[in-house]
Amino acid sequence: MTPSISPLDPPNSDSKATIPKSDDGALTSFDPKKLEYFHTQYPDYIAEEVDLPLWIDGVDTTYAPFIPTSTRRVLLALEMAHLTSEDKVLDVGSGDGRFCYAAVTFFGAQKAMGIECEQDLIEKSTELAQDLVDQGRISFERADLTNWRESSTMKSKEWSVIVVFLSPEGGDDMEEWLVQEFERGVRIVALVFDLKQLKGLHCSVEDSQEGIWIYEKQK
């Protein structure tokens, strides 16, 4: 999903590569006009300055709290995953769709799909990325993530990158699926909560200060 709460401290491990905390300079490689539009369409929210979860126009978040991450962290996470134009991205719990939008707009991903349980957020996501939706590059699907085993989208083998924001309980519930996808070579991007309890995964790179962990099978 797309969180902006403070990350948990990950365990120490010599088997993971680490990167230093980035600053805004990390985004200078992107088109300034695209960045400006991205920031405008998907505004950042600072936890200390606003009450989270958010109430946003036209979206009822009473039962599905909306806690978006910053646009900078979105881009950093996708950079860490080495996203390319050959990738197809699945965002599980896609919120307002900012990961899907960034994957296609800034990294040229072939396609991106967001799965979200709240219909209002599906509609909001579609509105924000309407041009790319019309082009067939981005799509959004409503699904109950507690019944993920019934989702044909999550069973599909077309995804090369999967983005997740899962509590430890959520990670445990989806362990079978995540390990299966990891084993077939999918890069898994975990936000805020790492997936350290899933023994079948290997964290290849992390930024603990940003709350980003990339799980990729060693070749």
N, C-alpha and C. Protein backbone atom coordinates (compact mmCIF):
# COMPACT_ATOMS: atom_id res chain seq x y z
N MET A 1 0.84 -1.18 0.00
CA MET A 1 0.00 0.00 0.00
C MET A 1 0.88 1.23 0.00
N THR A 2 0.30 2.43 0.29
CA THR A 2 1.09 3.63 0.18
C THR A 2 1.14 4.38 1.50
N PRO A 3 2.02 3.99 2.42
CA PRO A 3 2.05 4.55 3.75
C PRO A 3 2.99 5.72 3.88
N SER A 4 2.82 6.53 4.96
CA SER A 4 3.78 7.57 5.25
C SER A 4 4.11 7.61 6.73
N ILE A 5 3.73 6.58 7.47
CA ILE A 5 4.07 6.53 8.88
C ILE A 5 5.52 6.09 9.04
N SER A 6 6.07 6.32 10.21
CA SER A 6 7.48 6.02 10.42
C SER A 6 7.75 4.54 10.31
N PRO A 7 8.87 4.14 9.69
CA PRO A 7 9.17 2.72 9.52
C PRO A 7 9.64 2.07 10.80
N LEU A 8 9.48 0.79 10.88
CA LEU A 8 10.03 0.02 11.98
C LEU A 8 11.50 -0.24 11.72
N ASP A 9 12.27 -0.38 12.79
CA ASP A 9 13.68 -0.69 12.62
C ASP A 9 13.83 -2.13 12.18
N PRO A 10 14.58 -2.39 11.10
CA PRO A 10 14.76 -3.76 10.63
C PRO A 10 15.83 -4.46 11.44
N PRO A 11 15.90 -5.77 11.36
CA PRO A 11 16.95 -6.50 12.07
C PRO A 11 18.30 -6.28 11.42
N ASN A 12 19.36 -6.41 12.21
CA ASN A 12 20.69 -6.33 11.64
C ASN A 12 20.99 -7.59 10.86
N SER A 13 21.63 -7.44 9.71
CA SER A 13 21.97 -8.63 8.91
C SER A 13 23.10 -8.28 7.97
N ASP A 14 24.13 -9.10 7.95
CA ASP A 14 25.25 -8.87 7.05
C ASP A 14 24.94 -9.31 5.63
N SER A 15 23.80 -9.96 5.44
CA SER A 15 23.47 -10.49 4.12
C SER A 15 22.77 -9.47 3.24
N LYS A 16 22.47 -8.28 3.77
CA LYS A 16 21.74 -7.29 3.01
C LYS A 16 22.65 -6.12 2.66
N ALA A 17 22.49 -5.61 1.46
CA ALA A 17 23.14 -4.37 1.10
C ALA A 17 22.31 -3.23 1.65
N THR A 18 22.94 -2.12 2.01
CA THR A 18 22.20 -0.96 2.49
C THR A 18 22.57 0.25 1.66
N ILE A 19 21.69 1.23 1.67
CA ILE A 19 21.99 2.49 0.99
C ILE A 19 21.72 3.61 1.97
N PRO A 20 22.44 4.72 1.88
CA PRO A 20 22.22 5.83 2.79
C PRO A 20 20.89 6.51 2.51
N LYS A 21 20.38 7.21 3.53
CA LYS A 21 19.15 7.96 3.34
C LYS A 21 19.35 9.00 2.26
N SER A 22 18.42 9.05 1.33
CA SER A 22 18.54 10.00 0.23
C SER A 22 17.95 11.34 0.61
N ASP A 23 18.24 12.35 -0.22
CA ASP A 23 17.59 13.64 -0.07
C ASP A 23 16.93 13.99 -1.39
N ASP A 24 16.42 15.21 -1.52
CA ASP A 24 15.71 15.58 -2.74
C ASP A 24 16.59 15.51 -3.97
N GLY A 25 17.90 15.55 -3.79
CA GLY A 25 18.81 15.45 -4.92
C GLY A 25 18.69 14.14 -5.66
N ALA A 26 18.15 13.12 -5.00
CA ALA A 26 18.01 11.81 -5.64
C ALA A 26 17.02 11.86 -6.79
N LEU A 27 16.21 12.93 -6.84
CA LEU A 27 15.17 13.02 -7.86
C LEU A 27 15.57 13.89 -9.04
N THR A 28 16.78 14.39 -9.05
CA THR A 28 17.19 15.30 -10.12
C THR A 28 17.30 14.62 -11.47
N SER A 29 17.35 13.31 -11.49
CA SER A 29 17.47 12.59 -12.76
C SER A 29 16.14 12.52 -13.50
N PHE A 30 15.06 12.93 -12.86
CA PHE A 30 13.74 12.87 -13.48
C PHE A 30 13.37 14.21 -14.11
N ASP A 31 12.51 14.16 -15.09
CA ASP A 31 12.03 15.35 -15.78
C ASP A 31 11.34 16.29 -14.78
N PRO A 32 11.83 17.53 -14.63
CA PRO A 32 11.26 18.46 -13.65
C PRO A 32 9.76 18.71 -13.86
N LYS A 33 9.33 18.78 -15.10
CA LYS A 33 7.91 19.03 -15.36
C LYS A 33 7.05 17.84 -14.93
N LYS A 34 7.57 16.63 -15.18
CA LYS A 34 6.85 15.44 -14.74
C LYS A 34 6.80 15.37 -13.22
N LEU A 35 7.92 15.75 -12.57
CA LEU A 35 7.95 15.74 -11.11
C LEU A 35 6.96 16.73 -10.53
N GLU A 36 6.90 17.92 -11.12
CA GLU A 36 5.98 18.94 -10.63
C GLU A 36 4.53 18.47 -10.75
N TYR A 37 4.21 17.86 -11.88
CA TYR A 37 2.85 17.36 -12.08
C TYR A 37 2.55 16.22 -11.10
N PHE A 38 3.52 15.36 -10.89
CA PHE A 38 3.37 14.24 -9.95
C PHE A 38 3.07 14.76 -8.55
N HIS A 39 3.84 15.76 -8.10
CA HIS A 39 3.64 16.34 -6.78
C HIS A 39 2.26 17.00 -6.67
N THR A 40 1.82 17.61 -7.77
CA THR A 40 0.52 18.29 -7.76
C THR A 40 -0.63 17.30 -7.69
N GLN A 41 -0.54 16.26 -8.50
CA GLN A 41 -1.60 15.26 -8.56
C GLN A 41 -1.65 14.39 -7.30
N TYR A 42 -0.47 14.11 -6.76
CA TYR A 42 -0.38 13.21 -5.60
C TYR A 42 0.37 13.94 -4.48
N PRO A 43 -0.30 14.84 -3.77
CA PRO A 43 0.38 15.68 -2.78
C PRO A 43 0.96 14.88 -1.62
N ASP A 44 2.04 15.42 -1.05
CA ASP A 44 2.66 14.81 0.11
C ASP A 44 1.94 15.26 1.37
N TYR A 45 1.91 14.39 2.37
CA TYR A 45 1.31 14.71 3.65
C TYR A 45 2.32 14.39 4.73
N ILE A 46 2.56 15.35 5.62
CA ILE A 46 3.52 15.18 6.70
C ILE A 46 2.76 14.82 7.97
N ALA A 47 3.11 13.68 8.56
CA ALA A 47 2.36 13.14 9.69
C ALA A 47 2.25 14.14 10.84
N GLU A 48 3.30 14.95 11.05
CA GLU A 48 3.30 15.89 12.16
C GLU A 48 2.39 17.08 11.90
N GLU A 49 2.01 17.30 10.63
CA GLU A 49 1.24 18.48 10.28
C GLU A 49 -0.22 18.19 9.99
N VAL A 50 -0.56 16.95 9.74
CA VAL A 50 -1.94 16.60 9.45
C VAL A 50 -2.32 15.36 10.23
N ASP A 51 -3.62 15.20 10.42
CA ASP A 51 -4.11 14.00 11.10
C ASP A 51 -4.24 12.87 10.09
N LEU A 52 -3.63 11.73 10.41
CA LEU A 52 -3.73 10.55 9.57
C LEU A 52 -4.53 9.49 10.32
N PRO A 53 -5.36 8.71 9.64
CA PRO A 53 -5.60 8.70 8.20
C PRO A 53 -6.33 9.94 7.70
N LEU A 54 -6.27 10.17 6.41
CA LEU A 54 -6.78 11.39 5.81
C LEU A 54 -8.22 11.27 5.37
N TRP A 55 -8.90 12.42 5.37
CA TRP A 55 -10.16 12.57 4.68
C TRP A 55 -9.87 13.34 3.41
N ILE A 56 -10.24 12.83 2.27
CA ILE A 56 -10.00 13.53 1.01
C ILE A 56 -11.31 13.65 0.25
N ASP A 57 -11.39 14.68 -0.58
CA ASP A 57 -12.62 14.96 -1.30
C ASP A 57 -13.10 13.77 -2.10
N GLY A 58 -14.36 13.42 -1.88
CA GLY A 58 -14.97 12.37 -2.69
C GLY A 58 -14.62 10.96 -2.30
N VAL A 59 -13.85 10.78 -1.23
CA VAL A 59 -13.42 9.44 -0.84
C VAL A 59 -13.79 9.17 0.62
N ASP A 60 -14.56 8.12 0.84
CA ASP A 60 -14.94 7.71 2.19
C ASP A 60 -13.90 6.73 2.70
N THR A 61 -13.08 7.18 3.66
CA THR A 61 -12.01 6.33 4.19
C THR A 61 -12.31 5.83 5.60
N THR A 62 -13.58 5.84 5.98
CA THR A 62 -13.95 5.43 7.33
C THR A 62 -13.46 4.03 7.65
N TYR A 63 -13.65 3.11 6.70
CA TYR A 63 -13.29 1.72 6.94
C TYR A 63 -12.02 1.31 6.22
N ALA A 64 -11.50 2.19 5.39
CA ALA A 64 -10.25 1.90 4.67
C ALA A 64 -9.34 3.11 4.79
N PRO A 65 -8.61 3.24 5.90
CA PRO A 65 -7.77 4.41 6.13
C PRO A 65 -6.79 4.66 4.99
N PHE A 66 -6.71 5.91 4.60
CA PHE A 66 -5.85 6.29 3.48
C PHE A 66 -4.62 7.00 4.03
N ILE A 67 -3.45 6.35 3.93
CA ILE A 67 -2.21 6.89 4.48
C ILE A 67 -1.15 6.89 3.38
N PRO A 68 -1.14 7.91 2.52
CA PRO A 68 -0.23 7.90 1.37
C PRO A 68 1.21 8.19 1.74
N THR A 69 2.12 7.59 0.99
CA THR A 69 3.53 7.89 1.16
C THR A 69 3.89 9.13 0.37
N SER A 70 5.09 9.65 0.58
CA SER A 70 5.53 10.82 -0.18
C SER A 70 5.91 10.40 -1.59
N THR A 71 5.78 11.34 -2.51
CA THR A 71 6.15 11.05 -3.90
C THR A 71 7.64 10.73 -4.01
N ARG A 72 8.46 11.36 -3.18
CA ARG A 72 9.89 11.09 -3.21
C ARG A 72 10.18 9.64 -2.82
N ARG A 73 9.48 9.16 -1.79
CA ARG A 73 9.70 7.79 -1.35
C ARG A 73 9.20 6.79 -2.40
N VAL A 74 8.13 7.14 -3.08
CA VAL A 74 7.64 6.29 -4.17
C VAL A 74 8.73 6.09 -5.21
N LEU A 75 9.33 7.20 -5.65
CA LEU A 75 10.36 7.13 -6.68
C LEU A 75 11.61 6.42 -6.17
N LEU A 76 11.98 6.67 -4.92
CA LEU A 76 13.15 6.01 -4.35
C LEU A 76 12.95 4.49 -4.30
N ALA A 77 11.76 4.06 -3.87
CA ALA A 77 11.49 2.62 -3.78
C ALA A 77 11.57 1.95 -5.14
N LEU A 78 11.04 2.60 -6.17
CA LEU A 78 11.07 2.02 -7.51
C LEU A 78 12.49 2.04 -8.08
N GLU A 79 13.27 3.06 -7.73
CA GLU A 79 14.68 3.07 -8.12
C GLU A 79 15.43 1.91 -7.47
N MET A 80 15.18 1.70 -6.20
CA MET A 80 15.85 0.62 -5.48
C MET A 80 15.50 -0.75 -6.06
N ALA A 81 14.31 -0.85 -6.63
CA ALA A 81 13.88 -2.11 -7.26
C ALA A 81 14.40 -2.24 -8.68
N HIS A 82 15.14 -1.23 -9.15
CA HIS A 82 15.70 -1.22 -10.51
C HIS A 82 14.61 -1.45 -11.56
N LEU A 83 13.53 -0.70 -11.41
CA LEU A 83 12.40 -0.83 -12.33
C LEU A 83 12.82 -0.40 -13.73
N THR A 84 12.38 -1.14 -14.74
CA THR A 84 12.71 -0.82 -16.13
C THR A 84 11.46 -0.93 -17.00
N SER A 85 11.65 -0.63 -18.27
CA SER A 85 10.55 -0.69 -19.23
C SER A 85 10.11 -2.12 -19.52
N GLU A 86 10.84 -3.09 -19.04
CA GLU A 86 10.47 -4.49 -19.24
C GLU A 86 9.55 -5.01 -18.14
N ASP A 87 9.36 -4.20 -17.10
CA ASP A 87 8.62 -4.67 -15.92
C ASP A 87 7.12 -4.46 -16.03
N LYS A 88 6.41 -5.34 -15.33
CA LYS A 88 4.97 -5.20 -15.10
C LYS A 88 4.78 -5.21 -13.59
N VAL A 89 4.09 -4.19 -13.09
CA VAL A 89 4.04 -3.93 -11.65
C VAL A 89 2.64 -4.17 -11.09
N LEU A 90 2.60 -4.85 -9.96
CA LEU A 90 1.35 -5.04 -9.21
C LEU A 90 1.50 -4.37 -7.85
N ASP A 91 0.61 -3.42 -7.54
CA ASP A 91 0.62 -2.75 -6.24
C ASP A 91 -0.56 -3.28 -5.43
N VAL A 92 -0.26 -3.97 -4.36
CA VAL A 92 -1.28 -4.61 -3.53
C VAL A 92 -1.68 -3.65 -2.40
N GLY A 93 -2.87 -3.08 -2.51
CA GLY A 93 -3.30 -2.04 -1.60
C GLY A 93 -2.83 -0.71 -2.14
N SER A 94 -3.36 -0.32 -3.30
CA SER A 94 -2.75 0.75 -4.11
C SER A 94 -3.17 2.16 -3.72
N GLY A 95 -4.10 2.33 -2.78
CA GLY A 95 -4.46 3.67 -2.34
C GLY A 95 -4.93 4.55 -3.47
N ASP A 96 -4.26 5.71 -3.66
CA ASP A 96 -4.65 6.62 -4.74
C ASP A 96 -3.93 6.32 -6.05
N GLY A 97 -3.15 5.24 -6.07
CA GLY A 97 -2.54 4.80 -7.33
C GLY A 97 -1.21 5.43 -7.67
N ARG A 98 -0.58 6.09 -6.71
CA ARG A 98 0.65 6.83 -7.04
C ARG A 98 1.81 5.92 -7.44
N PHE A 99 1.89 4.72 -6.89
CA PHE A 99 2.96 3.81 -7.32
C PHE A 99 2.76 3.37 -8.77
N CYS A 100 1.53 3.09 -9.13
CA CYS A 100 1.25 2.69 -10.51
C CYS A 100 1.57 3.82 -11.48
N TYR A 101 1.16 5.02 -11.12
CA TYR A 101 1.43 6.18 -11.98
C TYR A 101 2.92 6.39 -12.15
N ALA A 102 3.67 6.34 -11.06
CA ALA A 102 5.12 6.58 -11.13
C ALA A 102 5.82 5.49 -11.92
N ALA A 103 5.39 4.24 -11.75
CA ALA A 103 6.04 3.13 -12.45
C ALA A 103 5.99 3.31 -13.96
N VAL A 104 4.84 3.76 -14.46
CA VAL A 104 4.67 3.93 -15.90
C VAL A 104 5.28 5.25 -16.37
N THR A 105 5.04 6.33 -15.64
CA THR A 105 5.46 7.67 -16.08
C THR A 105 6.96 7.88 -16.00
N PHE A 106 7.58 7.47 -14.90
CA PHE A 106 9.00 7.76 -14.68
C PHE A 106 9.94 6.62 -15.07
N PHE A 107 9.43 5.40 -15.08
CA PHE A 107 10.30 4.25 -15.36
C PHE A 107 9.89 3.50 -16.62
N GLY A 108 8.79 3.91 -17.23
CA GLY A 108 8.37 3.30 -18.49
C GLY A 108 7.91 1.87 -18.38
N ALA A 109 7.44 1.47 -17.20
CA ALA A 109 6.96 0.10 -17.03
C ALA A 109 5.92 -0.24 -18.10
N GLN A 110 5.93 -1.48 -18.55
CA GLN A 110 4.98 -1.91 -19.57
C GLN A 110 3.55 -1.66 -19.13
N LYS A 111 3.27 -2.02 -17.89
CA LYS A 111 1.94 -1.81 -17.34
C LYS A 111 2.02 -1.85 -15.82
N ALA A 112 0.99 -1.32 -15.19
CA ALA A 112 0.91 -1.36 -13.73
C ALA A 112 -0.55 -1.55 -13.34
N MET A 113 -0.77 -2.39 -12.36
CA MET A 113 -2.12 -2.61 -11.85
C MET A 113 -2.13 -2.41 -10.35
N GLY A 114 -3.16 -1.71 -9.88
CA GLY A 114 -3.34 -1.53 -8.45
C GLY A 114 -4.55 -2.30 -7.96
N ILE A 115 -4.39 -3.01 -6.85
CA ILE A 115 -5.50 -3.70 -6.21
C ILE A 115 -5.85 -2.94 -4.94
N GLU A 116 -7.12 -2.63 -4.78
CA GLU A 116 -7.57 -1.82 -3.65
C GLU A 116 -8.96 -2.30 -3.23
N CYS A 117 -9.22 -2.33 -1.92
CA CYS A 117 -10.51 -2.83 -1.44
C CYS A 117 -11.59 -1.76 -1.42
N GLU A 118 -11.20 -0.48 -1.45
CA GLU A 118 -12.16 0.61 -1.34
C GLU A 118 -12.53 1.15 -2.71
N GLN A 119 -13.80 1.04 -3.08
CA GLN A 119 -14.25 1.46 -4.40
C GLN A 119 -14.01 2.94 -4.65
N ASP A 120 -14.19 3.77 -3.63
CA ASP A 120 -13.96 5.21 -3.80
C ASP A 120 -12.52 5.50 -4.20
N LEU A 121 -11.58 4.76 -3.64
CA LEU A 121 -10.18 4.96 -3.99
C LEU A 121 -9.87 4.43 -5.39
N ILE A 122 -10.56 3.38 -5.80
CA ILE A 122 -10.41 2.89 -7.18
C ILE A 122 -10.83 3.99 -8.15
N GLU A 123 -11.95 4.62 -7.86
CA GLU A 123 -12.45 5.69 -8.73
C GLU A 123 -11.51 6.89 -8.71
N LYS A 124 -11.00 7.24 -7.54
CA LYS A 124 -10.05 8.35 -7.42
C LYS A 124 -8.77 8.05 -8.19
N SER A 125 -8.25 6.85 -8.05
CA SER A 125 -7.03 6.44 -8.75
C SER A 125 -7.21 6.53 -10.26
N THR A 126 -8.33 6.05 -10.73
CA THR A 126 -8.62 6.07 -12.16
C THR A 126 -8.69 7.50 -12.67
N GLU A 127 -9.33 8.37 -11.91
CA GLU A 127 -9.44 9.78 -12.30
C GLU A 127 -8.06 10.44 -12.39
N LEU A 128 -7.20 10.18 -11.41
CA LEU A 128 -5.89 10.82 -11.38
C LEU A 128 -4.98 10.37 -12.52
N ALA A 129 -5.16 9.14 -12.97
CA ALA A 129 -4.29 8.59 -14.03
C ALA A 129 -5.09 8.29 -15.30
N GLN A 130 -6.13 9.09 -15.56
CA GLN A 130 -7.09 8.78 -16.62
C GLN A 130 -6.44 8.55 -17.97
N ASP A 131 -5.49 9.40 -18.36
CA ASP A 131 -4.86 9.25 -19.68
C ASP A 131 -4.17 7.89 -19.82
N LEU A 132 -3.44 7.50 -18.79
CA LEU A 132 -2.72 6.22 -18.84
C LEU A 132 -3.68 5.04 -18.72
N VAL A 133 -4.78 5.24 -18.02
CA VAL A 133 -5.82 4.20 -17.96
C VAL A 133 -6.42 4.00 -19.35
N ASP A 134 -6.70 5.12 -20.02
CA ASP A 134 -7.27 5.06 -21.36
C ASP A 134 -6.33 4.37 -22.35
N GLN A 135 -5.02 4.52 -22.11
CA GLN A 135 -4.02 3.90 -22.99
C GLN A 135 -3.80 2.42 -22.66
N GLY A 136 -4.40 1.95 -21.60
CA GLY A 136 -4.22 0.56 -21.20
C GLY A 136 -2.93 0.29 -20.46
N ARG A 137 -2.24 1.36 -20.03
CA ARG A 137 -0.97 1.19 -19.32
C ARG A 137 -1.17 0.96 -17.83
N ILE A 138 -2.27 1.51 -17.30
CA ILE A 138 -2.57 1.39 -15.88
C ILE A 138 -4.01 0.92 -15.72
N SER A 139 -4.23 0.06 -14.73
CA SER A 139 -5.59 -0.36 -14.41
C SER A 139 -5.70 -0.57 -12.91
N PHE A 140 -6.92 -0.52 -12.43
CA PHE A 140 -7.18 -0.71 -11.00
C PHE A 140 -8.32 -1.70 -10.83
N GLU A 141 -8.21 -2.50 -9.80
CA GLU A 141 -9.19 -3.56 -9.56
C GLU A 141 -9.58 -3.58 -8.09
N ARG A 142 -10.87 -3.69 -7.87
CA ARG A 142 -11.34 -3.80 -6.49
C ARG A 142 -11.26 -5.25 -6.04
N ALA A 143 -10.68 -5.48 -4.88
CA ALA A 143 -10.56 -6.84 -4.37
C ALA A 143 -10.43 -6.82 -2.86
N ASP A 144 -10.98 -7.81 -2.22
CA ASP A 144 -10.84 -8.00 -0.78
C ASP A 144 -9.55 -8.76 -0.54
N LEU A 145 -8.56 -8.08 0.01
CA LEU A 145 -7.25 -8.70 0.16
C LEU A 145 -7.25 -9.85 1.16
N THR A 146 -8.27 -9.94 1.98
CA THR A 146 -8.33 -11.09 2.89
C THR A 146 -8.72 -12.37 2.14
N ASN A 147 -9.23 -12.19 0.92
CA ASN A 147 -9.57 -13.35 0.07
C ASN A 147 -8.66 -13.40 -1.15
N TRP A 148 -7.38 -13.11 -0.93
CA TRP A 148 -6.45 -12.99 -2.05
C TRP A 148 -6.32 -14.29 -2.84
N ARG A 149 -6.57 -15.41 -2.20
CA ARG A 149 -6.44 -16.70 -2.90
C ARG A 149 -7.45 -16.84 -4.03
N GLU A 150 -8.50 -16.01 -3.99
CA GLU A 150 -9.53 -16.06 -5.04
C GLU A 150 -9.24 -15.08 -6.17
N SER A 151 -8.19 -14.30 -6.06
CA SER A 151 -7.90 -13.25 -7.04
C SER A 151 -7.10 -13.80 -8.22
N SER A 152 -7.69 -13.75 -9.40
CA SER A 152 -6.98 -14.19 -10.60
C SER A 152 -5.82 -13.25 -10.91
N THR A 153 -5.95 -11.99 -10.54
CA THR A 153 -4.88 -11.01 -10.76
C THR A 153 -3.64 -11.37 -9.95
N MET A 154 -3.84 -11.73 -8.70
CA MET A 154 -2.71 -12.07 -7.85
C MET A 154 -2.14 -13.44 -8.20
N LYS A 155 -2.92 -14.26 -8.85
CA LYS A 155 -2.43 -15.57 -9.29
C LYS A 155 -1.69 -15.48 -10.62
N SER A 156 -1.87 -14.37 -11.33
CA SER A 156 -1.25 -14.21 -12.64
C SER A 156 0.27 -14.25 -12.53
N LYS A 157 0.91 -14.81 -13.54
CA LYS A 157 2.37 -14.91 -13.55
C LYS A 157 3.02 -13.81 -14.38
N GLU A 158 2.27 -12.77 -14.72
CA GLU A 158 2.83 -11.73 -15.57
C GLU A 158 3.62 -10.68 -14.81
N TRP A 159 3.45 -10.60 -13.49
CA TRP A 159 4.09 -9.53 -12.72
C TRP A 159 5.56 -9.82 -12.45
N SER A 160 6.38 -8.80 -12.63
CA SER A 160 7.81 -8.93 -12.32
C SER A 160 8.20 -8.15 -11.07
N VAL A 161 7.35 -7.20 -10.66
CA VAL A 161 7.57 -6.42 -9.44
C VAL A 161 6.24 -6.33 -8.69
N ILE A 162 6.28 -6.61 -7.40
CA ILE A 162 5.09 -6.51 -6.56
C ILE A 162 5.39 -5.55 -5.41
N VAL A 163 4.52 -4.57 -5.21
CA VAL A 163 4.65 -3.60 -4.13
C VAL A 163 3.63 -3.94 -3.04
N VAL A 164 4.09 -4.02 -1.79
CA VAL A 164 3.19 -4.35 -0.69
C VAL A 164 3.43 -3.45 0.51
N PHE A 165 2.36 -3.16 1.22
CA PHE A 165 2.42 -2.53 2.54
C PHE A 165 1.61 -3.43 3.45
N LEU A 166 2.28 -4.34 4.14
CA LEU A 166 1.61 -5.36 4.92
C LEU A 166 2.06 -5.33 6.37
N SER A 167 1.12 -5.37 7.27
CA SER A 167 1.45 -5.56 8.67
C SER A 167 2.05 -6.95 8.83
N PRO A 168 2.71 -7.24 9.95
CA PRO A 168 3.23 -8.60 10.15
C PRO A 168 2.16 -9.67 9.98
N GLU A 169 0.94 -9.37 10.44
CA GLU A 169 -0.15 -10.33 10.29
C GLU A 169 -0.51 -10.52 8.82
N GLY A 170 -0.52 -9.41 8.07
CA GLY A 170 -0.81 -9.51 6.65
C GLY A 170 0.27 -10.28 5.91
N GLY A 171 1.52 -10.06 6.29
CA GLY A 171 2.61 -10.80 5.68
C GLY A 171 2.51 -12.29 5.93
N ASP A 172 2.14 -12.63 7.16
CA ASP A 172 1.97 -14.05 7.49
C ASP A 172 0.86 -14.68 6.66
N ASP A 173 -0.24 -13.95 6.49
CA ASP A 173 -1.38 -14.47 5.73
C ASP A 173 -1.02 -14.70 4.27
N MET A 174 -0.18 -13.82 3.72
CA MET A 174 0.18 -13.91 2.30
C MET A 174 1.52 -14.61 2.07
N GLU A 175 2.06 -15.24 3.10
CA GLU A 175 3.39 -15.85 3.00
C GLU A 175 3.50 -16.82 1.83
N GLU A 176 2.54 -17.69 1.69
CA GLU A 176 2.58 -18.69 0.62
C GLU A 176 2.71 -18.03 -0.75
N TRP A 177 1.90 -17.02 -0.99
CA TRP A 177 1.92 -16.31 -2.27
C TRP A 177 3.22 -15.54 -2.48
N LEU A 178 3.65 -14.80 -1.45
CA LEU A 178 4.86 -13.99 -1.58
C LEU A 178 6.10 -14.84 -1.84
N VAL A 179 6.23 -15.94 -1.11
CA VAL A 179 7.39 -16.81 -1.30
C VAL A 179 7.35 -17.45 -2.68
N GLN A 180 6.17 -17.84 -3.12
CA GLN A 180 6.02 -18.43 -4.45
C GLN A 180 6.45 -17.45 -5.53
N GLU A 181 6.01 -16.18 -5.42
CA GLU A 181 6.38 -15.17 -6.40
C GLU A 181 7.87 -14.87 -6.34
N PHE A 182 8.41 -14.78 -5.14
CA PHE A 182 9.85 -14.56 -4.94
C PHE A 182 10.65 -15.65 -5.63
N GLU A 183 10.24 -16.89 -5.46
CA GLU A 183 10.98 -18.03 -6.02
C GLU A 183 10.99 -18.01 -7.55
N ARG A 184 9.98 -17.45 -8.16
CA ARG A 184 9.97 -17.40 -9.62
C ARG A 184 10.64 -16.13 -10.16
N GLY A 185 11.27 -15.34 -9.27
CA GLY A 185 12.08 -14.22 -9.70
C GLY A 185 11.47 -12.85 -9.59
N VAL A 186 10.30 -12.75 -8.98
CA VAL A 186 9.65 -11.45 -8.79
C VAL A 186 10.39 -10.64 -7.73
N ARG A 187 10.62 -9.35 -7.99
CA ARG A 187 11.15 -8.45 -6.96
C ARG A 187 9.99 -7.93 -6.13
N ILE A 188 10.13 -8.04 -4.82
CA ILE A 188 9.07 -7.62 -3.91
C ILE A 188 9.53 -6.37 -3.17
N VAL A 189 8.74 -5.31 -3.27
CA VAL A 189 9.03 -4.05 -2.61
C VAL A 189 8.12 -3.94 -1.38
N ALA A 190 8.72 -3.98 -0.19
CA ALA A 190 7.96 -3.88 1.06
C ALA A 190 8.16 -2.49 1.66
N LEU A 191 7.08 -1.88 2.08
CA LEU A 191 7.11 -0.53 2.63
C LEU A 191 6.69 -0.51 4.09
N VAL A 192 7.42 0.26 4.90
CA VAL A 192 7.17 0.51 6.32
C VAL A 192 7.39 -0.73 7.18
N PHE A 193 6.72 -1.83 6.88
CA PHE A 193 6.94 -3.09 7.58
C PHE A 193 7.79 -4.01 6.71
N ASP A 194 8.92 -4.47 7.25
CA ASP A 194 9.69 -5.44 6.48
C ASP A 194 9.02 -6.81 6.57
N LEU A 195 9.56 -7.76 5.86
CA LEU A 195 8.98 -9.11 5.82
C LEU A 195 9.94 -10.11 6.44
N LYS A 196 10.63 -9.67 7.49
CA LYS A 196 11.68 -10.48 8.09
C LYS A 196 11.18 -11.82 8.62
N GLN A 197 9.89 -11.89 8.96
CA GLN A 197 9.37 -13.13 9.52
C GLN A 197 9.14 -14.21 8.47
N LEU A 198 9.21 -13.83 7.20
CA LEU A 198 9.00 -14.80 6.12
C LEU A 198 10.36 -15.40 5.74
N LYS A 199 10.66 -16.56 6.24
CA LYS A 199 11.99 -17.15 6.10
C LYS A 199 12.33 -17.52 4.66
N GLY A 200 11.33 -17.61 3.81
CA GLY A 200 11.60 -17.98 2.42
C GLY A 200 12.05 -16.83 1.56
N LEU A 201 12.12 -15.61 2.13
CA LEU A 201 12.52 -14.43 1.36
C LEU A 201 13.93 -13.99 1.71
N HIS A 202 14.58 -13.31 0.77
CA HIS A 202 15.92 -12.74 1.00
C HIS A 202 15.88 -11.26 0.67
N CYS A 203 16.24 -10.42 1.65
CA CYS A 203 16.28 -8.97 1.43
C CYS A 203 17.62 -8.61 0.80
N SER A 204 17.57 -8.10 -0.42
CA SER A 204 18.80 -7.80 -1.15
C SER A 204 19.28 -6.38 -0.94
N VAL A 205 18.37 -5.46 -0.65
CA VAL A 205 18.76 -4.06 -0.41
C VAL A 205 17.70 -3.41 0.45
N GLU A 206 18.13 -2.49 1.30
CA GLU A 206 17.18 -1.83 2.19
C GLU A 206 17.58 -0.39 2.45
N ASP A 207 16.61 0.42 2.80
CA ASP A 207 16.83 1.75 3.35
C ASP A 207 15.93 1.82 4.58
N SER A 208 16.49 1.48 5.73
CA SER A 208 15.68 1.37 6.93
C SER A 208 15.11 2.71 7.38
N GLN A 209 15.84 3.80 7.09
CA GLN A 209 15.34 5.11 7.48
C GLN A 209 14.11 5.51 6.67
N GLU A 210 14.08 5.10 5.43
CA GLU A 210 12.92 5.39 4.58
C GLU A 210 11.83 4.34 4.72
N GLY A 211 12.17 3.19 5.29
CA GLY A 211 11.18 2.13 5.43
C GLY A 211 10.93 1.42 4.12
N ILE A 212 12.01 1.05 3.42
CA ILE A 212 11.89 0.36 2.13
C ILE A 212 12.79 -0.86 2.16
N TRP A 213 12.24 -2.01 1.77
CA TRP A 213 13.00 -3.25 1.68
C TRP A 213 12.71 -3.91 0.34
N ILE A 214 13.77 -4.32 -0.35
CA ILE A 214 13.62 -5.00 -1.64
C ILE A 214 14.02 -6.46 -1.47
N TYR A 215 13.13 -7.36 -1.83
CA TYR A 215 13.39 -8.80 -1.75
C TYR A 215 13.54 -9.35 -3.16
N GLU A 216 14.71 -9.90 -3.44
CA GLU A 216 14.99 -10.43 -4.77
C GLU A 216 15.81 -11.70 -4.64
N LYS A 217 15.44 -12.71 -5.38
CA LYS A 217 16.13 -13.99 -5.33
C LYS A 217 17.55 -13.84 -5.86
N GLN A 218 18.51 -14.38 -5.14
CA GLN A 218 19.90 -14.33 -5.57
C GLN A 218 20.12 -15.25 -6.76
N LYS A 219 20.87 -14.75 -7.73
CA LYS A 219 21.11 -15.53 -8.95
C LYS A 219 22.43 -16.28 -8.84
